[in-house]
C-alpha atoms as a PDB file:
ATOM      1  CA  MET A   1      -0.016   0.109  -0.081  1.00  0.00           C
ATOM      2  CA  GLU A   2       2.974   2.371   0.308  1.00  0.00           C
ATOM      3  CA  ILE A   3       3.089   2.809  -3.519  1.00  0.00           C
ATOM      4  CA  LEU A   4      -0.413   4.569  -3.276  1.00  0.00           C
ATOM      5  CA  SER A   5      -0.856   8.109  -2.488  1.00  0.00           C
ATOM      6  CA  ASP A   6      -2.467   9.091   0.746  1.00  0.00           C
ATOM      7  CA  ASP A   7      -5.884   9.821  -1.098  1.00  0.00           C
ATOM      8  CA  GLN A   8      -5.595   6.462  -2.912  1.00  0.00           C
ATOM      9  CA  ARG A   9      -4.927   4.653   0.058  1.00  0.00           C
ATOM     10  CA  GLU A  10      -7.682   6.271   2.047  1.00  0.00           C
ATOM     11  CA  THR A  11     -10.152   5.423  -0.702  1.00  0.00           C
ATOM     12  CA  VAL A  12      -9.066   1.722  -0.860  1.00  0.00           C
ATOM     13  CA  ILE A  13      -9.156   1.318   2.742  1.00  0.00           C
ATOM     14  CA  LEU A  14     -12.772   2.827   2.675  1.00  0.00           C
ATOM     15  CA  ARG A  15     -13.886   0.750  -0.069  1.00  0.00           C
ATOM     16  CA  PHE A  16     -12.440  -2.623   0.518  1.00  0.00           C
ATOM     17  CA  TYR A  17     -11.778  -2.912   4.422  1.00  0.00           C
ATOM     18  CA  HIS A  18     -14.814  -0.840   5.463  1.00  0.00           C
ATOM     19  CA  ASP A  19     -17.102  -2.009   2.457  1.00  0.00           C
ATOM     20  CA  MET A  20     -18.162   1.631   1.813  1.00  0.00           C
ATOM     21  CA  LYS A  21     -19.823   2.529  -1.566  1.00  0.00           C
ATOM     22  CA  VAL A  22     -18.127   4.875  -3.778  1.00  0.00           C
ATOM     23  CA  LYS A  23     -20.590   7.726  -3.089  1.00  0.00           C
ATOM     24  CA  ASP A  24     -20.165   7.432   0.565  1.00  0.00           C
ATOM     25  CA  ILE A  25     -16.646   7.559   0.129  1.00  0.00           C
ATOM     26  CA  ALA A  26     -17.001  10.778  -1.705  1.00  0.00           C
ATOM     27  CA  LYS A  27     -19.132  12.341   1.166  1.00  0.00           C
ATOM     28  CA  VAL A  28     -16.773  11.201   3.743  1.00  0.00           C
ATOM     29  CA  THR A  29     -13.687  12.497   2.146  1.00  0.00           C
ATOM     30  CA  GLY A  30     -15.356  15.781   1.050  1.00  0.00           C
ATOM     31  CA  VAL A  31     -14.667  15.248  -2.752  1.00  0.00           C
ATOM     32  CA  CYS A  32     -17.138  14.851  -5.616  1.00  0.00           C
ATOM     33  CA  LEU A  33     -18.154  11.374  -6.812  1.00  0.00           C
ATOM     34  CA  PRO A  34     -16.137  11.509 -10.084  1.00  0.00           C
ATOM     35  CA  THR A  35     -13.003  12.220  -7.944  1.00  0.00           C
ATOM     36  CA  ALA A  36     -13.641   9.351  -5.662  1.00  0.00           C
ATOM     37  CA  LYS A  37     -14.197   6.924  -8.642  1.00  0.00           C
ATOM     38  CA  SER A  38     -11.046   8.218 -10.335  1.00  0.00           C
ATOM     39  CA  ARG A  39      -8.998   7.713  -7.074  1.00  0.00           C
ATOM     40  CA  LEU A  40     -10.082   4.247  -6.787  1.00  0.00           C
ATOM     41  CA  LYS A  41      -9.511   3.395 -10.304  1.00  0.00           C
ATOM     42  CA  GLN A  42      -6.101   4.916 -10.250  1.00  0.00           C
ATOM     43  CA  ALA A  43      -5.182   2.972  -6.950  1.00  0.00           C
ATOM     44  CA  ILE A  44      -6.545  -0.402  -8.449  1.00  0.00           C
ATOM     45  CA  ASP A  45      -4.500   0.097 -11.571  1.00  0.00           C
ATOM     46  CA  LYS A  46      -1.358   1.095  -9.739  1.00  0.00           C
ATOM     47  CA  LEU A  47      -1.711  -2.145  -7.530  1.00  0.00           C
ATOM     48  CA  ARG A  48      -2.446  -4.470 -10.403  1.00  0.00           C
ATOM     49  CA  LEU A  49       0.529  -2.922 -12.208  1.00  0.00           C
ATOM     50  CA  PHE A  50       2.809  -3.319  -9.005  1.00  0.00           C
ATOM     51  CA  PHE A  51       1.472  -7.179  -8.463  1.00  0.00           C
ATOM     52  CA  ASP A  52       2.154  -8.028 -12.197  1.00  0.00           C
ATOM     53  CA  LYS A  53       5.536  -6.833 -11.900  1.00  0.00           C
ATOM     54  CA  GLU A  54       6.150  -8.962  -8.945  1.00  0.00           C
ATOM     55  CA  GLY A  55       4.681 -12.064 -10.518  1.00  0.00           C
ATOM     56  CA  TYR A  56       1.623 -12.408  -8.297  1.00  0.00           C
ATOM     57  CA  PHE A  57      -0.736 -13.026 -11.348  1.00  0.00           C
ATOM     58  CA  GLU A  58       1.322 -15.685 -13.314  1.00  0.00           C
END
C-alpha cells in the first residue's frame, strides 16, 4: 500500500476494508463522486501493475 498516494490509500481502505460505496466515500472524504471514482480506479490500476511486475498473477 506504500506505493499509493495518501488519497488513493484512504479510498482503497474505505472501499475494501470498510465496505463503503463510492458515493459514501466521496461524502466522507469531501470530494465529488467522479474524483472518488478516479482515485479508486487509479489505485486499483497501480496495485495491479505492481503485482503484475512482482509475478503475483502468473
